[in-house]
N, C-alpha and C. Protein backbone atom coordinates (compact mmCIF):
# COMPACT_ATOMS: atom_id res chain seq x y z
N UNK A 1 12.16 -14.40 -40.32
CA UNK A 1 12.55 -15.53 -39.33
C UNK A 1 13.23 -16.55 -40.01
N UNK A 2 12.79 -17.06 -41.25
CA UNK A 2 13.53 -18.17 -41.98
C UNK A 2 14.82 -17.52 -42.41
N UNK A 3 14.89 -16.23 -42.90
CA UNK A 3 16.17 -15.71 -43.34
C UNK A 3 17.32 -15.67 -42.29
N UNK A 4 16.77 -15.32 -41.12
CA UNK A 4 17.69 -15.13 -39.97
C UNK A 4 18.06 -16.55 -39.51
N UNK A 5 17.28 -17.54 -39.57
CA UNK A 5 17.56 -18.84 -39.25
C UNK A 5 18.62 -19.46 -40.28
N UNK A 6 18.41 -19.13 -41.58
CA UNK A 6 19.30 -19.55 -42.60
C UNK A 6 20.68 -18.97 -42.45
N UNK A 7 20.72 -17.68 -42.13
CA UNK A 7 22.02 -17.05 -41.76
C UNK A 7 22.77 -17.70 -40.70
N UNK A 8 22.03 -17.92 -39.61
CA UNK A 8 22.71 -18.64 -38.42
C UNK A 8 23.23 -20.02 -38.83
N UNK A 9 22.51 -20.84 -39.59
CA UNK A 9 22.85 -22.03 -40.07
C UNK A 9 24.12 -21.95 -40.94
N UNK A 10 24.13 -21.01 -41.94
CA UNK A 10 25.32 -20.67 -42.74
C UNK A 10 26.51 -20.34 -41.94
N UNK A 11 26.51 -19.53 -40.90
CA UNK A 11 27.53 -19.06 -40.10
C UNK A 11 28.12 -20.33 -39.43
N UNK A 12 27.19 -21.09 -38.88
CA UNK A 12 27.66 -22.25 -38.06
C UNK A 12 28.38 -23.24 -39.03
N UNK A 13 27.88 -23.39 -40.31
CA UNK A 13 28.54 -24.27 -41.28
C UNK A 13 29.92 -23.76 -41.57
N UNK A 14 30.00 -22.45 -41.78
CA UNK A 14 31.29 -21.88 -42.15
C UNK A 14 32.33 -22.08 -40.99
N UNK A 15 31.94 -21.91 -39.80
CA UNK A 15 32.70 -21.88 -38.67
C UNK A 15 33.15 -23.30 -38.39
N UNK A 16 32.34 -24.37 -38.62
CA UNK A 16 32.62 -25.75 -38.49
C UNK A 16 33.70 -26.07 -39.63
N UNK A 17 33.43 -25.64 -40.84
CA UNK A 17 34.41 -25.97 -41.90
C UNK A 17 35.85 -25.42 -41.62
N UNK A 18 35.83 -24.14 -41.09
CA UNK A 18 37.09 -23.55 -40.78
C UNK A 18 37.88 -24.31 -39.58
N UNK A 19 37.06 -24.93 -38.72
CA UNK A 19 37.63 -25.72 -37.62
C UNK A 19 37.89 -27.14 -37.92
N UNK A 20 37.47 -27.65 -39.00
CA UNK A 20 37.59 -29.07 -39.28
C UNK A 20 38.99 -29.65 -39.20
N UNK A 21 40.00 -28.75 -39.42
CA UNK A 21 41.43 -29.24 -39.44
C UNK A 21 41.98 -28.93 -38.01
N UNK A 22 41.35 -28.31 -37.10
CA UNK A 22 41.90 -28.04 -35.75
C UNK A 22 42.06 -29.30 -34.95
N UNK A 23 43.04 -29.40 -34.21
CA UNK A 23 43.29 -30.47 -33.25
C UNK A 23 44.75 -30.77 -33.14
N UNK A 24 44.96 -31.93 -32.55
CA UNK A 24 46.44 -32.44 -32.40
C UNK A 24 46.73 -33.50 -33.39
N UNK A 25 47.81 -33.37 -34.17
CA UNK A 25 48.35 -34.34 -35.17
C UNK A 25 49.46 -34.92 -34.50
N UNK A 26 49.48 -36.35 -34.53
CA UNK A 26 50.44 -37.15 -34.03
C UNK A 26 50.72 -38.28 -34.94
N UNK A 27 51.70 -39.10 -34.72
CA UNK A 27 52.00 -40.27 -35.70
C UNK A 27 50.80 -41.19 -35.77
N UNK A 28 50.48 -41.68 -37.03
CA UNK A 28 49.50 -42.58 -37.23
C UNK A 28 49.85 -44.08 -36.82
N UNK A 29 51.16 -44.11 -36.54
CA UNK A 29 51.69 -45.39 -35.95
C UNK A 29 51.93 -45.45 -34.56
N UNK A 30 52.21 -46.52 -33.87
CA UNK A 30 52.82 -46.51 -32.51
C UNK A 30 54.20 -46.00 -32.66
N UNK A 31 54.53 -44.86 -32.15
CA UNK A 31 55.82 -44.34 -32.37
C UNK A 31 56.56 -44.01 -30.93
N UNK A 32 57.81 -44.30 -30.87
CA UNK A 32 58.62 -44.04 -29.71
C UNK A 32 59.30 -42.71 -29.86
N UNK A 33 59.19 -42.01 -30.96
CA UNK A 33 59.85 -40.76 -31.19
C UNK A 33 59.09 -40.09 -32.51
N UNK A 34 59.05 -38.73 -32.31
CA UNK A 34 58.34 -38.28 -33.42
C UNK A 34 57.96 -36.74 -33.23
N UNK A 35 57.01 -36.43 -33.80
CA UNK A 35 56.40 -34.89 -33.71
C UNK A 35 54.93 -34.86 -33.26
N UNK A 36 54.56 -33.94 -32.64
CA UNK A 36 53.22 -33.68 -32.35
C UNK A 36 52.91 -32.17 -32.59
N UNK A 37 51.88 -31.96 -33.50
CA UNK A 37 51.55 -30.57 -33.72
C UNK A 37 50.15 -30.36 -33.54
N UNK A 38 49.97 -29.14 -32.81
CA UNK A 38 48.54 -28.81 -32.50
C UNK A 38 48.28 -27.58 -33.38
N UNK A 39 47.12 -27.65 -34.02
CA UNK A 39 46.61 -26.40 -34.82
C UNK A 39 45.36 -26.07 -34.09
N UNK A 40 45.32 -24.72 -33.72
CA UNK A 40 43.95 -24.35 -33.02
C UNK A 40 44.06 -22.78 -32.98
N UNK A 41 42.75 -22.23 -33.57
CA UNK A 41 42.67 -20.77 -33.49
C UNK A 41 43.81 -20.04 -34.20
N UNK A 42 44.16 -20.48 -35.38
CA UNK A 42 45.27 -19.76 -36.13
C UNK A 42 46.65 -19.90 -35.40
N UNK A 43 46.80 -20.62 -34.31
CA UNK A 43 48.09 -20.86 -33.65
C UNK A 43 48.41 -22.31 -33.67
N UNK A 44 49.80 -22.50 -33.71
CA UNK A 44 50.37 -23.87 -33.75
C UNK A 44 51.30 -23.93 -32.61
N UNK A 45 51.34 -25.24 -32.04
CA UNK A 45 52.39 -25.65 -31.02
C UNK A 45 53.01 -26.96 -31.62
N UNK A 46 54.25 -27.04 -31.89
CA UNK A 46 55.03 -28.22 -32.40
C UNK A 46 55.94 -28.68 -31.36
N UNK A 47 55.63 -29.92 -30.89
CA UNK A 47 56.48 -30.59 -29.88
C UNK A 47 57.26 -31.88 -30.59
N UNK A 48 58.32 -32.09 -30.00
CA UNK A 48 59.03 -33.40 -30.42
C UNK A 48 59.09 -34.26 -29.29
N UNK A 49 58.96 -35.59 -29.43
CA UNK A 49 58.97 -36.53 -28.36
C UNK A 49 59.86 -37.58 -28.66
N UNK A 50 60.23 -38.35 -27.48
CA UNK A 50 61.02 -39.56 -27.73
C UNK A 50 60.95 -40.28 -26.31
N UNK A 51 61.02 -41.63 -26.50
CA UNK A 51 61.15 -42.46 -25.14
C UNK A 51 62.51 -42.53 -24.73
N UNK A 52 63.49 -42.19 -25.42
CA UNK A 52 64.88 -42.26 -24.92
C UNK A 52 65.38 -41.21 -24.02
N UNK A 53 66.23 -41.41 -23.12
CA UNK A 53 66.73 -40.29 -22.32
C UNK A 53 68.30 -40.28 -22.49
N UNK A 54 68.77 -39.03 -22.74
CA UNK A 54 70.27 -38.87 -22.71
C UNK A 54 70.68 -38.21 -21.50
N UNK A 55 71.75 -38.59 -20.96
CA UNK A 55 72.26 -38.09 -19.73
C UNK A 55 73.63 -37.63 -20.01
N UNK A 56 74.16 -36.40 -19.58
CA UNK A 56 75.49 -35.88 -19.68
C UNK A 56 76.39 -36.51 -18.65
N UNK A 57 77.62 -36.12 -18.71
CA UNK A 57 78.78 -36.59 -17.77
C UNK A 57 78.41 -36.28 -16.34
N UNK A 58 77.54 -35.33 -16.12
CA UNK A 58 77.22 -34.87 -14.74
C UNK A 58 75.91 -35.52 -14.28
N UNK A 59 75.36 -36.43 -15.14
CA UNK A 59 74.22 -37.11 -14.68
C UNK A 59 72.95 -36.35 -14.94
N UNK A 60 73.03 -35.32 -15.63
CA UNK A 60 71.80 -34.42 -15.86
C UNK A 60 71.29 -34.88 -17.16
N UNK A 61 69.96 -34.81 -17.26
CA UNK A 61 69.22 -35.10 -18.42
C UNK A 61 69.46 -34.00 -19.50
N UNK A 62 69.72 -34.44 -20.76
CA UNK A 62 69.94 -33.48 -21.83
C UNK A 62 68.58 -33.20 -22.57
N UNK A 63 68.33 -31.97 -22.85
CA UNK A 63 67.41 -31.63 -23.67
C UNK A 63 67.65 -31.93 -25.10
N UNK A 64 66.94 -32.94 -25.64
CA UNK A 64 67.26 -33.60 -26.94
C UNK A 64 66.70 -32.72 -28.08
N UNK A 65 65.88 -31.84 -27.65
CA UNK A 65 65.09 -30.90 -28.69
C UNK A 65 65.19 -29.50 -28.32
N UNK A 66 66.20 -28.88 -28.31
CA UNK A 66 66.25 -27.51 -28.00
C UNK A 66 65.41 -26.64 -29.06
N UNK A 67 64.74 -25.71 -28.53
CA UNK A 67 63.88 -24.85 -29.43
C UNK A 67 62.48 -25.33 -29.48
N UNK A 68 62.20 -26.54 -28.99
CA UNK A 68 60.86 -27.05 -28.90
C UNK A 68 60.34 -27.12 -27.49
N UNK A 69 59.03 -26.88 -27.32
CA UNK A 69 58.03 -26.69 -28.39
C UNK A 69 58.17 -25.43 -29.14
N UNK A 70 57.86 -25.43 -30.41
CA UNK A 70 57.97 -24.33 -31.26
C UNK A 70 56.56 -23.76 -31.31
N UNK A 71 56.38 -22.44 -31.11
CA UNK A 71 55.12 -21.77 -31.06
C UNK A 71 55.04 -20.77 -32.19
N UNK A 72 53.75 -20.61 -32.79
CA UNK A 72 53.65 -19.57 -33.78
C UNK A 72 52.20 -19.53 -34.37
N UNK A 73 52.01 -18.97 -35.43
CA UNK A 73 50.75 -18.72 -36.18
C UNK A 73 50.85 -19.60 -37.47
N UNK A 74 49.64 -19.88 -37.89
CA UNK A 74 49.45 -20.64 -39.15
C UNK A 74 48.15 -20.13 -39.93
N UNK A 75 48.28 -20.46 -41.15
CA UNK A 75 47.13 -20.22 -41.94
C UNK A 75 46.90 -21.29 -42.93
N UNK A 76 45.80 -21.56 -43.44
CA UNK A 76 45.56 -22.68 -44.45
C UNK A 76 44.89 -22.05 -45.58
N UNK A 77 45.46 -22.31 -46.81
CA UNK A 77 45.06 -21.96 -48.11
C UNK A 77 44.87 -23.40 -48.88
N UNK A 78 43.60 -23.60 -49.00
CA UNK A 78 43.49 -24.96 -49.84
C UNK A 78 43.90 -26.05 -48.95
N UNK A 79 44.85 -26.82 -49.40
CA UNK A 79 45.46 -27.96 -48.67
C UNK A 79 46.75 -27.53 -47.98
N UNK A 80 47.29 -26.34 -48.27
CA UNK A 80 48.49 -25.93 -47.85
C UNK A 80 48.33 -25.16 -46.45
N UNK A 81 49.25 -25.63 -45.59
CA UNK A 81 49.35 -25.04 -44.14
C UNK A 81 50.70 -24.19 -44.12
N UNK A 82 50.54 -23.00 -44.00
CA UNK A 82 51.67 -22.02 -43.88
C UNK A 82 51.91 -21.78 -42.40
N UNK A 83 53.21 -21.98 -41.93
CA UNK A 83 53.44 -21.70 -40.50
C UNK A 83 54.60 -20.82 -40.38
N UNK A 84 54.33 -19.99 -39.30
CA UNK A 84 55.49 -18.98 -39.03
C UNK A 84 55.62 -18.91 -37.50
N UNK A 85 56.88 -19.00 -37.04
CA UNK A 85 57.15 -19.01 -35.54
C UNK A 85 56.84 -17.74 -34.98
N UNK A 86 56.77 -17.69 -33.79
CA UNK A 86 56.61 -16.40 -32.98
C UNK A 86 57.53 -15.35 -33.19
N UNK A 87 58.82 -15.88 -33.57
CA UNK A 87 59.96 -14.95 -34.03
C UNK A 87 59.95 -14.55 -35.40
N UNK A 88 58.91 -14.85 -36.05
CA UNK A 88 58.74 -14.53 -37.53
C UNK A 88 59.36 -15.33 -38.57
N UNK A 89 59.91 -16.50 -38.26
CA UNK A 89 60.63 -17.42 -39.16
C UNK A 89 59.53 -18.22 -39.91
N UNK A 90 59.57 -18.31 -41.12
CA UNK A 90 58.60 -19.21 -42.00
C UNK A 90 59.13 -20.57 -41.92
N UNK A 91 58.30 -21.56 -41.69
CA UNK A 91 58.72 -22.93 -41.65
C UNK A 91 58.42 -23.55 -43.00
N UNK A 92 58.79 -24.79 -43.26
CA UNK A 92 58.35 -25.45 -44.53
C UNK A 92 56.88 -25.66 -44.54
N UNK A 93 56.27 -25.62 -45.67
CA UNK A 93 54.81 -25.71 -45.79
C UNK A 93 54.51 -27.13 -45.49
N UNK A 94 53.29 -27.36 -44.94
CA UNK A 94 52.80 -28.71 -44.68
C UNK A 94 51.44 -28.78 -45.44
N UNK A 95 50.80 -30.12 -45.56
CA UNK A 95 49.67 -30.17 -46.39
C UNK A 95 48.69 -31.07 -45.66
N UNK A 96 47.42 -30.60 -45.78
CA UNK A 96 46.28 -31.43 -45.29
C UNK A 96 45.91 -32.34 -46.31
N UNK A 97 45.75 -33.54 -45.98
CA UNK A 97 45.41 -34.49 -46.92
C UNK A 97 44.39 -35.53 -46.37
N UNK A 98 43.13 -35.39 -46.73
CA UNK A 98 42.08 -36.34 -46.15
C UNK A 98 42.05 -37.74 -46.90
N UNK A 99 41.93 -38.74 -46.10
CA UNK A 99 41.94 -40.21 -46.69
C UNK A 99 40.79 -40.74 -45.71
N UNK A 100 39.78 -41.28 -46.51
CA UNK A 100 38.59 -41.76 -45.81
C UNK A 100 38.11 -40.85 -44.77
N UNK A 101 38.16 -41.36 -43.52
CA UNK A 101 37.61 -40.44 -42.45
C UNK A 101 38.73 -39.86 -41.59
N UNK A 102 39.89 -39.77 -42.00
CA UNK A 102 41.12 -39.36 -41.35
C UNK A 102 41.64 -38.13 -42.11
N UNK A 103 42.26 -37.21 -41.34
CA UNK A 103 42.96 -36.03 -41.91
C UNK A 103 44.39 -36.04 -41.56
N UNK A 104 45.31 -36.09 -42.52
CA UNK A 104 46.69 -36.13 -42.39
C UNK A 104 47.35 -34.88 -42.59
N UNK A 105 48.43 -34.48 -41.83
CA UNK A 105 49.23 -33.35 -41.99
C UNK A 105 50.59 -33.84 -42.47
N UNK A 106 50.75 -33.53 -43.70
CA UNK A 106 52.00 -34.16 -44.41
C UNK A 106 53.07 -33.13 -44.73
N UNK A 107 54.28 -33.57 -44.75
CA UNK A 107 55.37 -32.84 -45.30
C UNK A 107 55.29 -32.72 -46.66
N UNK A 108 56.24 -31.92 -47.37
CA UNK A 108 56.18 -31.86 -48.80
C UNK A 108 56.45 -33.10 -49.50
N UNK A 109 57.40 -33.78 -48.98
CA UNK A 109 57.86 -35.18 -49.67
C UNK A 109 56.69 -36.10 -49.34
N UNK A 110 56.11 -36.14 -48.24
CA UNK A 110 54.87 -37.12 -48.06
C UNK A 110 53.75 -36.68 -48.96
N UNK A 111 53.43 -35.35 -49.08
CA UNK A 111 52.42 -34.82 -49.83
C UNK A 111 52.65 -35.25 -51.45
N UNK A 112 53.82 -35.05 -51.82
CA UNK A 112 54.21 -35.46 -53.27
C UNK A 112 53.97 -36.91 -53.52
N UNK A 113 54.39 -37.71 -52.54
CA UNK A 113 54.25 -39.23 -52.67
C UNK A 113 52.71 -39.55 -52.59
N UNK A 114 51.98 -38.95 -51.81
CA UNK A 114 50.53 -39.21 -51.78
C UNK A 114 49.77 -38.78 -53.13
N UNK A 115 50.27 -37.62 -53.67
CA UNK A 115 49.74 -37.13 -54.92
C UNK A 115 50.12 -38.12 -56.03
N UNK A 116 51.37 -38.47 -56.12
CA UNK A 116 51.89 -39.33 -57.25
C UNK A 116 51.46 -40.85 -57.30
N UNK A 117 51.61 -41.38 -56.06
CA UNK A 117 51.42 -42.85 -55.83
C UNK A 117 50.14 -43.22 -55.02
N UNK A 118 49.58 -42.13 -54.41
CA UNK A 118 48.25 -42.54 -53.46
C UNK A 118 48.72 -43.21 -52.29
N UNK A 119 50.01 -43.08 -51.88
CA UNK A 119 50.41 -43.75 -50.65
C UNK A 119 50.74 -42.68 -49.55
N UNK A 120 50.28 -43.13 -48.29
CA UNK A 120 50.47 -42.29 -47.08
C UNK A 120 51.53 -42.95 -46.24
N UNK A 121 52.55 -42.33 -45.83
CA UNK A 121 53.63 -43.00 -44.92
C UNK A 121 52.78 -43.49 -43.69
N UNK A 122 53.24 -44.67 -43.18
CA UNK A 122 52.44 -45.32 -42.11
C UNK A 122 52.54 -44.45 -40.81
N UNK A 123 53.50 -43.74 -40.60
CA UNK A 123 53.69 -42.95 -39.39
C UNK A 123 53.53 -41.43 -39.60
N UNK A 124 52.91 -41.05 -40.76
CA UNK A 124 52.62 -39.69 -41.05
C UNK A 124 51.73 -39.08 -39.94
N UNK A 125 51.78 -37.80 -39.67
CA UNK A 125 51.04 -37.26 -38.67
C UNK A 125 49.46 -37.19 -39.10
N UNK A 126 48.65 -37.58 -38.27
CA UNK A 126 47.18 -37.72 -38.50
C UNK A 126 46.43 -37.13 -37.28
N UNK A 127 45.32 -36.39 -37.64
CA UNK A 127 44.53 -35.73 -36.59
C UNK A 127 43.93 -36.87 -35.77
N UNK A 128 44.26 -36.70 -34.43
CA UNK A 128 43.83 -37.68 -33.48
C UNK A 128 44.86 -38.70 -33.21
N UNK A 129 45.92 -38.78 -34.05
CA UNK A 129 46.93 -39.79 -33.86
C UNK A 129 46.59 -41.17 -34.02
N UNK A 130 47.48 -42.00 -33.49
CA UNK A 130 47.41 -43.66 -33.66
C UNK A 130 46.19 -44.12 -32.97
N UNK A 131 45.57 -44.98 -33.72
CA UNK A 131 44.39 -45.68 -33.32
C UNK A 131 44.60 -47.28 -33.66
N UNK A 132 44.50 -48.04 -32.73
CA UNK A 132 44.78 -49.50 -33.02
C UNK A 132 43.71 -49.98 -33.89
N UNK A 133 44.10 -50.71 -34.88
CA UNK A 133 43.01 -51.29 -35.90
C UNK A 133 42.98 -52.73 -35.81
């Protein structure tokens, strides 16, 4: 009985650890344009957003972000997030970076800055997004 209970607890812990990075990453600052990336069940959805509207000569709204939302699969190895589009195109690696009780999803440049100087870009993507402090 105790062994079975221990196995159930171990499996639950492993599943929780695997899912700890899942959710929606959006800018850590109040942003009027940027990226929003959802990581869930080994799939990602990457959207771009802006509050500006572009209109063509015919008065039609222009899609400012062709190709988005971008969908695909991802895997995590250590801190590195490897993403591949549904069409099989590998995207630039991103990096999970915990700071206090927040989890950031950083570009390679942001990750290098965080490693070298301990600084996180004020508008870097963070799990749960902007929260007023």
